Amino acid sequence: MTAPARPDFDARARSYDTLRPTDASWWEAFAALVELGDLRGRRVLDVGCGTGRLAAALVDEAGAKVWGIDPSDEMVAVARATLPAGVGVRRGNAEQLPFRDGWFDRVTMSLVLHLVDRPRALAEARRVVPADGRIAISTFHPQHFESYWLNPYFPSIREIDETRFPTPEAMRLELAQAGFVRYEERLLTTAGTISREAALDRIRGRHISTFDLLTTEEVAEGTKRAERELPDSVQQRLVRLVVVGRAGRATF
């Protein structure tokens, strides 16, 4: 009855973008990242790039010069197959970036911070940007987990993700400790619906990594319950948090 120690992103790579398509919430967070992170035309490292869709949007919509890095072989393979030729993609870890000091203007992390050793990853992000560099982070706010649409079917998801995802207060402290001492955040709340069929496809496809941290029994029981009880239209509320840290000297 034990769950795997780490999520398996290799297993999700080929279906990731289908099960988690970009929507209005994603694009709102993207716009905030670009604005607050000052990403237009910048040399950007996207840490935990996954299939590469943030990197692609940064190139197409923000004119950035982008490298991506991800620890999953399969995610890297998908990114290399779909990204423009000018985008470099490497396999590697956030905690040990294979790049020289100050090589990038900016670092981005989209739904990554809960998956890494944060002090080490943030210190590495600071190392690869210059004295006026920035890190731009997209994550979920703690409020997101209170009313997540999967909670009734998989009760452990809320507790697991509230533990995994950092609070704004924790991020402010950890960014400052890494050398990103000027902090700015923006809360983004969107509401919408997905069809019963789309919701079931996401559950059966284990579309979020938290599924890998549930017991086999909870996954099986929750899936059966969702198949019985999901309505034709599923309400979902997403509460995202975009955070930017600017490098500099501490003033406190």
Foldseek 3Di string as FASTA:
>chain_A
DAFDPAFDVLLCQVCQCVLPPDDPLNVVLLVVLCVVQVAAQWEEEEEQCFLPPSVQCCCVPRVYQYEYEHQHPNSQVNNVVPHDPRYHYYYDHLLDDPDAFQQTQEYEYEQPCLRHPLLSNLLSRNRNRDQFHKYKYKHAALVQLPPALLCVLQVCLNVVVNVRDDHPVVVQVSNVVSQLNDKDKDKDKDKDKDFLVSVLVCLVSVNDRCVSRDDPVSSVRSSVVSVVDPDGIGMHMTIMMMMMGTGHDHPD
